[in-house]
């Protein structure tokens, strides 16, 4: 499996995903894709791939504790005013 494929922008902004990539990742006509624009560049992925990426990036974080701490700080600041 190669991680890089050179493709060209076609008419009306169309991109063609190489057949071997479509077959390997199970893309069919009409499959929704997400184009993620980041400071590092563009990333094209399926919705499931994006969900997995977000889960990986958030794993190990305790978002509930962070939210509660933020709310407590805001309440303390409000009480002090």
PDB file of N, CA and C in Angstrom:
ATOM      1  N   UNK A   1       0.844  -1.178   0.000  1.00  0.00           N
ATOM      2  CA  UNK A   1       0.000   0.000   0.000  1.00  0.00           C
ATOM      3  C   UNK A   1       0.885   1.235   0.000  1.00  0.00           C
ATOM      4  N   UNK A   2       0.703   2.084  -0.959  1.00  0.00           N
ATOM      5  CA  UNK A   2       1.438   3.337  -1.032  1.00  0.00           C
ATOM      6  C   UNK A   2       0.607   4.425  -0.369  1.00  0.00           C
ATOM      7  N   UNK A   3       1.242   5.288   0.386  1.00  0.00           N
ATOM      8  CA  UNK A   3       0.518   6.333   1.085  1.00  0.00           C
ATOM      9  C   UNK A   3       0.368   7.604   0.300  1.00  0.00           C
ATOM     10  N   UNK A   4       0.929   7.668  -0.881  1.00  0.00           N
ATOM     11  CA  UNK A   4       0.851   8.903  -1.651  1.00  0.00           C
ATOM     12  C   UNK A   4       0.460   8.599  -3.087  1.00  0.00           C
ATOM     13  N   UNK A   5      -0.463   9.404  -3.607  1.00  0.00           N
ATOM     14  CA  UNK A   5      -0.897   9.284  -4.995  1.00  0.00           C
ATOM     15  C   UNK A   5      -0.952  10.681  -5.586  1.00  0.00           C
ATOM     16  N   UNK A   6      -0.392  10.853  -6.742  1.00  0.00           N
ATOM     17  CA  UNK A   6      -0.422  12.149  -7.423  1.00  0.00           C
ATOM     18  C   UNK A   6      -1.649  12.176  -8.317  1.00  0.00           C
ATOM     19  N   UNK A   7      -2.515  13.159  -8.076  1.00  0.00           N
ATOM     20  CA  UNK A   7      -3.704  13.312  -8.898  1.00  0.00           C
ATOM     21  C   UNK A   7      -3.775  14.760  -9.362  1.00  0.00           C
ATOM     22  N   UNK A   8      -4.583  15.011 -10.373  1.00  0.00           N
ATOM     23  CA  UNK A   8      -4.710  16.368 -10.891  1.00  0.00           C
ATOM     24  C   UNK A   8      -6.153  16.835 -10.791  1.00  0.00           C
ATOM     25  N   UNK A   9      -6.300  18.130 -10.564  1.00  0.00           N
ATOM     26  CA  UNK A   9      -7.616  18.736 -10.538  1.00  0.00           C
ATOM     27  C   UNK A   9      -8.170  18.721 -11.952  1.00  0.00           C
ATOM     28  N   UNK A  10      -9.381  18.225 -12.098  1.00  0.00           N
ATOM     29  CA  UNK A  10     -10.021  18.161 -13.402  1.00  0.00           C
ATOM     30  C   UNK A  10     -10.947  19.341 -13.627  1.00  0.00           C
ATOM     31  N   UNK A  11     -11.728  19.231 -14.684  1.00  0.00           N
ATOM     32  CA  UNK A  11     -12.672  20.298 -15.001  1.00  0.00           C
ATOM     33  C   UNK A  11     -13.681  20.449 -13.863  1.00  0.00           C
ATOM     34  N   UNK A  12     -14.097  21.653 -13.618  1.00  0.00           N
ATOM     35  CA  UNK A  12     -15.068  21.986 -12.569  1.00  0.00           C
ATOM     36  C   UNK A  12     -14.613  21.549 -11.179  1.00  0.00           C
ATOM     37  N   UNK A  13     -13.294  21.444 -10.965  1.00  0.00           N
ATOM     38  CA  UNK A  13     -12.760  21.135  -9.648  1.00  0.00           C
ATOM     39  C   UNK A  13     -12.842  19.681  -9.243  1.00  0.00           C
ATOM     40  N   UNK A  14     -13.041  18.806 -10.183  1.00  0.00           N
ATOM     41  CA  UNK A  14     -13.194  17.388  -9.869  1.00  0.00           C
ATOM     42  C   UNK A  14     -11.853  16.708  -9.632  1.00  0.00           C
ATOM     43  N   UNK A  15     -11.868  15.781  -8.673  1.00  0.00           N
ATOM     44  CA  UNK A  15     -10.697  14.951  -8.382  1.00  0.00           C
ATOM     45  C   UNK A  15     -11.080  13.497  -8.617  1.00  0.00           C
ATOM     46  N   UNK A  16     -10.148  12.722  -9.138  1.00  0.00           N
ATOM     47  CA  UNK A  16     -10.387  11.298  -9.353  1.00  0.00           C
ATOM     48  C   UNK A  16      -9.520  10.521  -8.368  1.00  0.00           C
ATOM     49  N   UNK A  17     -10.174   9.726  -7.530  1.00  0.00           N
ATOM     50  CA  UNK A  17      -9.463   8.864  -6.590  1.00  0.00           C
ATOM     51  C   UNK A  17      -9.067   7.609  -7.366  1.00  0.00           C
ATOM     52  N   UNK A  18      -7.779   7.245  -7.340  1.00  0.00           N
ATOM     53  CA  UNK A  18      -7.337   6.073  -8.105  1.00  0.00           C
ATOM     54  C   UNK A  18      -8.134   4.813  -7.754  1.00  0.00           C
ATOM     55  N   UNK A  19      -8.369   3.986  -8.766  1.00  0.00           N
ATOM     56  CA  UNK A  19      -9.201   2.778  -8.613  1.00  0.00           C
ATOM     57  C   UNK A  19      -8.691   1.865  -7.512  1.00  0.00           C
ATOM     58  N   UNK A  20      -7.367   1.677  -7.407  1.00  0.00           N
ATOM     59  CA  UNK A  20      -6.847   0.768  -6.383  1.00  0.00           C
ATOM     60  C   UNK A  20      -7.128   1.302  -4.980  1.00  0.00           C
ATOM     61  N   UNK A  21      -7.132   2.626  -4.815  1.00  0.00           N
ATOM     62  CA  UNK A  21      -7.452   3.220  -3.512  1.00  0.00           C
ATOM     63  C   UNK A  21      -8.939   3.036  -3.219  1.00  0.00           C
ATOM     64  N   UNK A  22      -9.778   3.302  -4.205  1.00  0.00           N
ATOM     65  CA  UNK A  22     -11.227   3.121  -4.015  1.00  0.00           C
ATOM     66  C   UNK A  22     -11.545   1.693  -3.614  1.00  0.00           C
ATOM     67  N   UNK A  23     -10.908   0.736  -4.276  1.00  0.00           N
ATOM     68  CA  UNK A  23     -11.152  -0.678  -3.972  1.00  0.00           C
ATOM     69  C   UNK A  23     -10.656  -1.030  -2.567  1.00  0.00           C
ATOM     70  N   UNK A  24      -9.474  -0.548  -2.216  1.00  0.00           N
ATOM     71  CA  UNK A  24      -8.876  -0.898  -0.930  1.00  0.00           C
ATOM     72  C   UNK A  24      -9.681  -0.350   0.247  1.00  0.00           C
ATOM     73  N   UNK A  25     -10.203   0.869   0.119  1.00  0.00           N
ATOM     74  CA  UNK A  25     -10.919   1.467   1.246  1.00  0.00           C
ATOM     75  C   UNK A  25     -12.436   1.358   1.107  1.00  0.00           C
ATOM     76  N   UNK A  26     -12.899   0.747   0.052  1.00  0.00           N
ATOM     77  CA  UNK A  26     -14.325   0.487  -0.107  1.00  0.00           C
ATOM     78  C   UNK A  26     -15.152   1.686  -0.518  1.00  0.00           C
ATOM     79  N   UNK A  27     -14.599   2.552  -1.337  1.00  0.00           N
ATOM     80  CA  UNK A  27     -15.349   3.709  -1.813  1.00  0.00           C
ATOM     81  C   UNK A  27     -16.185   3.326  -3.024  1.00  0.00           C
ATOM     82  N   UNK A  28     -17.435   3.748  -2.998  1.00  0.00           N
ATOM     83  CA  UNK A  28     -18.331   3.521  -4.126  1.00  0.00           C
ATOM     84  C   UNK A  28     -18.873   4.873  -4.568  1.00  0.00           C
ATOM     85  N   UNK A  29     -19.475   4.896  -5.730  1.00  0.00           N
ATOM     86  CA  UNK A  29     -20.073   6.136  -6.215  1.00  0.00           C
ATOM     87  C   UNK A  29     -21.068   6.651  -5.185  1.00  0.00           C
ATOM     88  N   UNK A  30     -20.969   7.923  -4.858  1.00  0.00           N
ATOM     89  CA  UNK A  30     -21.875   8.535  -3.891  1.00  0.00           C
ATOM     90  C   UNK A  30     -21.406   8.486  -2.449  1.00  0.00           C
ATOM     91  N   UNK A  31     -20.263   7.850  -2.198  1.00  0.00           N
ATOM     92  CA  UNK A  31     -19.734   7.804  -0.830  1.00  0.00           C
ATOM     93  C   UNK A  31     -19.393   9.225  -0.377  1.00  0.00           C
ATOM     94  N   UNK A  32     -19.961   9.687   0.757  1.00  0.00           N
ATOM     95  CA  UNK A  32     -19.615  11.031   1.231  1.00  0.00           C
ATOM     96  C   UNK A  32     -18.175  11.065   1.728  1.00  0.00           C
ATOM     97  N   UNK A  33     -17.455  12.093   1.330  1.00  0.00           N
ATOM     98  CA  UNK A  33     -16.081  12.299   1.778  1.00  0.00           C
ATOM     99  C   UNK A  33     -15.989  13.662   2.447  1.00  0.00           C
ATOM    100  N   UNK A  34     -15.023  13.803   3.346  1.00  0.00           N
ATOM    101  CA  UNK A  34     -14.788  15.054   4.058  1.00  0.00           C
ATOM    102  C   UNK A  34     -13.434  15.594   3.623  1.00  0.00           C
ATOM    103  N   UNK A  35     -13.411  16.845   3.191  1.00  0.00           N
ATOM    104  CA  UNK A  35     -12.155  17.513   2.850  1.00  0.00           C
ATOM    105  C   UNK A  35     -11.803  18.409   4.020  1.00  0.00           C
ATOM    106  N   UNK A  36     -10.744  18.060   4.714  1.00  0.00           N
ATOM    107  CA  UNK A  36     -10.326  18.771   5.909  1.00  0.00           C
ATOM    108  C   UNK A  36      -9.188  19.708   5.536  1.00  0.00           C
ATOM    109  N   UNK A  37      -9.389  20.989   5.770  1.00  0.00           N
ATOM    110  CA  UNK A  37      -8.348  21.984   5.500  1.00  0.00           C
ATOM    111  C   UNK A  37      -7.656  22.304   6.817  1.00  0.00           C
ATOM    112  N   UNK A  38      -6.349  22.104   6.855  1.00  0.00           N
ATOM    113  CA  UNK A  38      -5.592  22.351   8.074  1.00  0.00           C
ATOM    114  C   UNK A  38      -4.361  23.189   7.718  1.00  0.00           C
ATOM    115  N   UNK A  39      -3.684  23.720   8.717  1.00  0.00           N
ATOM    116  CA  UNK A  39      -2.461  24.482   8.429  1.00  0.00           C
ATOM    117  C   UNK A  39      -1.405  23.651   7.697  1.00  0.00           C
ATOM    118  N   UNK A  40      -1.446  22.324   7.895  1.00  0.00           N
ATOM    119  CA  UNK A  40      -0.467  21.445   7.254  1.00  0.00           C
ATOM    120  C   UNK A  40      -0.849  21.090   5.820  1.00  0.00           C
ATOM    121  N   UNK A  41      -2.104  21.356   5.428  1.00  0.00           N
ATOM    122  CA  UNK A  41      -2.528  21.027   4.071  1.00  0.00           C
ATOM    123  C   UNK A  41      -3.927  20.452   4.053  1.00  0.00           C
ATOM    124  N   UNK A  42      -4.266  19.776   2.969  1.00  0.00           N
ATOM    125  CA  UNK A  42      -5.592  19.195   2.778  1.00  0.00           C
ATOM    126  C   UNK A  42      -5.556  17.699   3.067  1.00  0.00           C
ATOM    127  N   UNK A  43      -6.635  17.199   3.683  1.00  0.00           N
ATOM    128  CA  UNK A  43      -6.767  15.777   3.968  1.00  0.00           C
ATOM    129  C   UNK A  43      -8.154  15.353   3.503  1.00  0.00           C
ATOM    130  N   UNK A  44      -8.220  14.306   2.705  1.00  0.00           N
ATOM    131  CA  UNK A  44      -9.483  13.770   2.216  1.00  0.00           C
ATOM    132  C   UNK A  44      -9.735  12.437   2.908  1.00  0.00           C
ATOM    133  N   UNK A  45     -10.901  12.306   3.561  1.00  0.00           N
ATOM    134  CA  UNK A  45     -11.189  11.071   4.285  1.00  0.00           C
ATOM    135  C   UNK A  45     -12.691  10.814   4.301  1.00  0.00           C
ATOM    136  N   UNK A  46     -13.024   9.572   4.634  1.00  0.00           N
ATOM    137  CA  UNK A  46     -14.436   9.233   4.790  1.00  0.00           C
ATOM    138  C   UNK A  46     -14.903   9.739   6.159  1.00  0.00           C
ATOM    139  N   UNK A  47     -16.203   9.749   6.359  1.00  0.00           N
ATOM    140  CA  UNK A  47     -16.740  10.168   7.657  1.00  0.00           C
ATOM    141  C   UNK A  47     -16.269   9.235   8.767  1.00  0.00           C
ATOM    142  N   UNK A  48     -16.238   7.941   8.491  1.00  0.00           N
ATOM    143  CA  UNK A  48     -15.769   6.988   9.503  1.00  0.00           C
ATOM    144  C   UNK A  48     -14.305   7.226   9.846  1.00  0.00           C
ATOM    145  N   UNK A  49     -13.488   7.532   8.842  1.00  0.00           N
ATOM    146  CA  UNK A  49     -12.075   7.828   9.095  1.00  0.00           C
ATOM    147  C   UNK A  49     -11.939   9.089   9.942  1.00  0.00           C
ATOM    148  N   UNK A  50     -12.771  10.095   9.664  1.00  0.00           N
ATOM    149  CA  UNK A  50     -12.729  11.326  10.449  1.00  0.00           C
ATOM    150  C   UNK A  50     -13.153  11.064  11.893  1.00  0.00           C
ATOM    151  N   UNK A  51     -14.226  10.290  12.090  1.00  0.00           N
ATOM    152  CA  UNK A  51     -14.662   9.947  13.443  1.00  0.00           C
ATOM    153  C   UNK A  51     -13.547   9.242  14.217  1.00  0.00           C
ATOM    154  N   UNK A  52     -12.888   8.288  13.561  1.00  0.00           N
ATOM    155  CA  UNK A  52     -11.792   7.556  14.213  1.00  0.00           C
ATOM    156  C   UNK A  52     -10.645   8.501  14.565  1.00  0.00           C
ATOM    157  N   UNK A  53     -10.348   9.427  13.677  1.00  0.00           N
ATOM    158  CA  UNK A  53      -9.261  10.389  13.934  1.00  0.00           C
ATOM    159  C   UNK A  53      -9.594  11.266  15.132  1.00  0.00           C
ATOM    160  N   UNK A  54     -10.830  11.759  15.200  1.00  0.00           N
ATOM    161  CA  UNK A  54     -11.234  12.606  16.321  1.00  0.00           C
ATOM    162  C   UNK A  54     -11.193  11.806  17.625  1.00  0.00           C
ATOM    163  N   UNK A  55     -11.683  10.565  17.589  1.00  0.00           N
ATOM    164  CA  UNK A  55     -11.647   9.722  18.794  1.00  0.00           C
ATOM    165  C   UNK A  55     -10.212   9.510  19.263  1.00  0.00           C
ATOM    166  N   UNK A  56      -9.298   9.257  18.324  1.00  0.00           N
ATOM    167  CA  UNK A  56      -7.893   9.059  18.676  1.00  0.00           C
ATOM    168  C   UNK A  56      -7.303  10.311  19.311  1.00  0.00           C
ATOM    169  N   UNK A  57      -7.638  11.480  18.733  1.00  0.00           N
ATOM    170  CA  UNK A  57      -7.087  12.727  19.252  1.00  0.00           C
ATOM    171  C   UNK A  57      -7.655  13.081  20.621  1.00  0.00           C
ATOM    172  N   UNK A  58      -8.881  12.627  20.898  1.00  0.00           N
ATOM    173  CA  UNK A  58      -9.509  12.935  22.187  1.00  0.00           C
ATOM    174  C   UNK A  58      -9.294  11.859  23.237  1.00  0.00           C
ATOM    175  N   UNK A  59      -8.754  10.712  22.840  1.00  0.00           N
ATOM    176  CA  UNK A  59      -8.570   9.636  23.812  1.00  0.00           C
ATOM    177  C   UNK A  59      -7.587  10.080  24.892  1.00  0.00           C
ATOM    178  N   UNK A  60      -7.901   9.703  26.106  1.00  0.00           N
ATOM    179  CA  UNK A  60      -7.044  10.073  27.224  1.00  0.00           C
ATOM    180  C   UNK A  60      -7.386  11.422  27.822  1.00  0.00           C
ATOM    181  N   UNK A  61      -8.204  12.217  27.150  1.00  0.00           N
ATOM    182  CA  UNK A  61      -8.602  13.505  27.701  1.00  0.00           C
ATOM    183  C   UNK A  61      -9.860  13.326  28.537  1.00  0.00           C
ATOM    184  N   UNK A  62      -9.909  14.007  29.653  1.00  0.00           N
ATOM    185  CA  UNK A  62     -11.103  13.967  30.490  1.00  0.00           C
ATOM    186  C   UNK A  62     -11.851  15.275  30.283  1.00  0.00           C
ATOM    187  N   UNK A  63     -12.679  15.307  29.258  1.00  0.00           N
ATOM    188  CA  UNK A  63     -13.366  16.524  28.885  1.00  0.00           C
ATOM    189  C   UNK A  63     -14.383  16.964  29.928  1.00  0.00           C
ATOM    190  N   UNK A  64     -14.992  16.024  30.635  1.00  0.00           N
ATOM    191  CA  UNK A  64     -15.968  16.379  31.661  1.00  0.00           C
ATOM    192  C   UNK A  64     -15.278  17.128  32.794  1.00  0.00           C
ATOM    193  N   UNK A  65     -14.138  16.621  33.257  1.00  0.00           N
ATOM    194  CA  UNK A  65     -13.404  17.311  34.331  1.00  0.00           C
ATOM    195  C   UNK A  65     -12.951  18.689  33.884  1.00  0.00           C
ATOM    196  N   UNK A  66     -12.512  18.813  32.631  1.00  0.00           N
ATOM    197  CA  UNK A  66     -12.092  20.123  32.119  1.00  0.00           C
ATOM    198  C   UNK A  66     -13.268  21.095  32.089  1.00  0.00           C
ATOM    199  N   UNK A  67     -14.428  20.620  31.636  1.00  0.00           N
ATOM    200  CA  UNK A  67     -15.615  21.466  31.584  1.00  0.00           C
ATOM    201  C   UNK A  67     -16.035  21.898  32.991  1.00  0.00           C
ATOM    202  N   UNK A  68     -16.041  20.959  33.928  1.00  0.00           N
ATOM    203  CA  UNK A  68     -16.410  21.301  35.307  1.00  0.00           C
ATOM    204  C   UNK A  68     -15.442  22.315  35.904  1.00  0.00           C
ATOM    205  N   UNK A  69     -14.164  22.148  35.661  1.00  0.00           N
ATOM    206  CA  UNK A  69     -13.173  23.095  36.175  1.00  0.00           C
ATOM    207  C   UNK A  69     -13.399  24.484  35.576  1.00  0.00           C
ATOM    208  N   UNK A  70     -13.694  24.534  34.282  1.00  0.00           N
ATOM    209  CA  UNK A  70     -13.963  25.822  33.638  1.00  0.00           C
ATOM    210  C   UNK A  70     -15.199  26.486  34.250  1.00  0.00           C
ATOM    211  N   UNK A  71     -16.242  25.704  34.472  1.00  0.00           N
ATOM    212  CA  UNK A  71     -17.477  26.245  35.057  1.00  0.00           C
ATOM    213  C   UNK A  71     -17.236  26.737  36.482  1.00  0.00           C
ATOM    214  N   UNK A  72     -16.432  25.996  37.244  1.00  0.00           N
ATOM    215  CA  UNK A  72     -16.142  26.414  38.623  1.00  0.00           C
ATOM    216  C   UNK A  72     -15.361  27.727  38.638  1.00  0.00           C
ATOM    217  N   UNK A  73     -14.382  27.847  37.719  1.00  0.00           N
ATOM    218  CA  UNK A  73     -13.618  29.099  37.636  1.00  0.00           C
ATOM    219  C   UNK A  73     -14.520  30.266  37.269  1.00  0.00           C
ATOM    220  N   UNK A  74     -15.426  30.037  36.310  1.00  0.00           N
ATOM    221  CA  UNK A  74     -16.334  31.102  35.889  1.00  0.00           C
ATOM    222  C   UNK A  74     -17.267  31.497  37.034  1.00  0.00           C
ATOM    223  N   UNK A  75     -17.765  30.518  37.787  1.00  0.00           N
ATOM    224  CA  UNK A  75     -18.648  30.806  38.920  1.00  0.00           C
ATOM    225  C   UNK A  75     -17.907  31.555  40.012  1.00  0.00           C
ATOM    226  N   UNK A  76     -16.656  31.169  40.279  1.00  0.00           N
ATOM    227  CA  UNK A  76     -15.859  31.853  41.297  1.00  0.00           C
ATOM    228  C   UNK A  76     -15.597  33.292  40.891  1.00  0.00           C
ATOM    229  N   UNK A  77     -15.311  33.517  39.618  1.00  0.00           N
ATOM    230  CA  UNK A  77     -15.071  34.875  39.134  1.00  0.00           C
ATOM    231  C   UNK A  77     -16.341  35.710  39.226  1.00  0.00           C
ATOM    232  N   UNK A  78     -17.469  35.095  38.957  1.00  0.00           N
ATOM    233  CA  UNK A  78     -18.757  35.784  39.037  1.00  0.00           C
ATOM    234  C   UNK A  78     -19.080  36.136  40.489  1.00  0.00           C
ATOM    235  N   UNK A  79     -18.790  35.213  41.404  1.00  0.00           N
ATOM    236  CA  UNK A  79     -19.048  35.464  42.834  1.00  0.00           C
ATOM    237  C   UNK A  79     -18.142  36.572  43.372  1.00  0.00           C
ATOM    238  N   UNK A  80     -16.923  36.674  42.858  1.00  0.00           N
ATOM    239  CA  UNK A  80     -15.952  37.660  43.338  1.00  0.00           C
ATOM    240  C   UNK A  80     -16.311  39.053  42.840  1.00  0.00           C
ATOM    241  N   UNK A  81     -17.089  39.129  41.788  1.00  0.00           N
ATOM    242  CA  UNK A  81     -17.414  40.453  41.208  1.00  0.00           C
ATOM    243  C   UNK A  81     -18.526  41.157  41.897  1.00  0.00           C
TER     244      UNK A  81
END
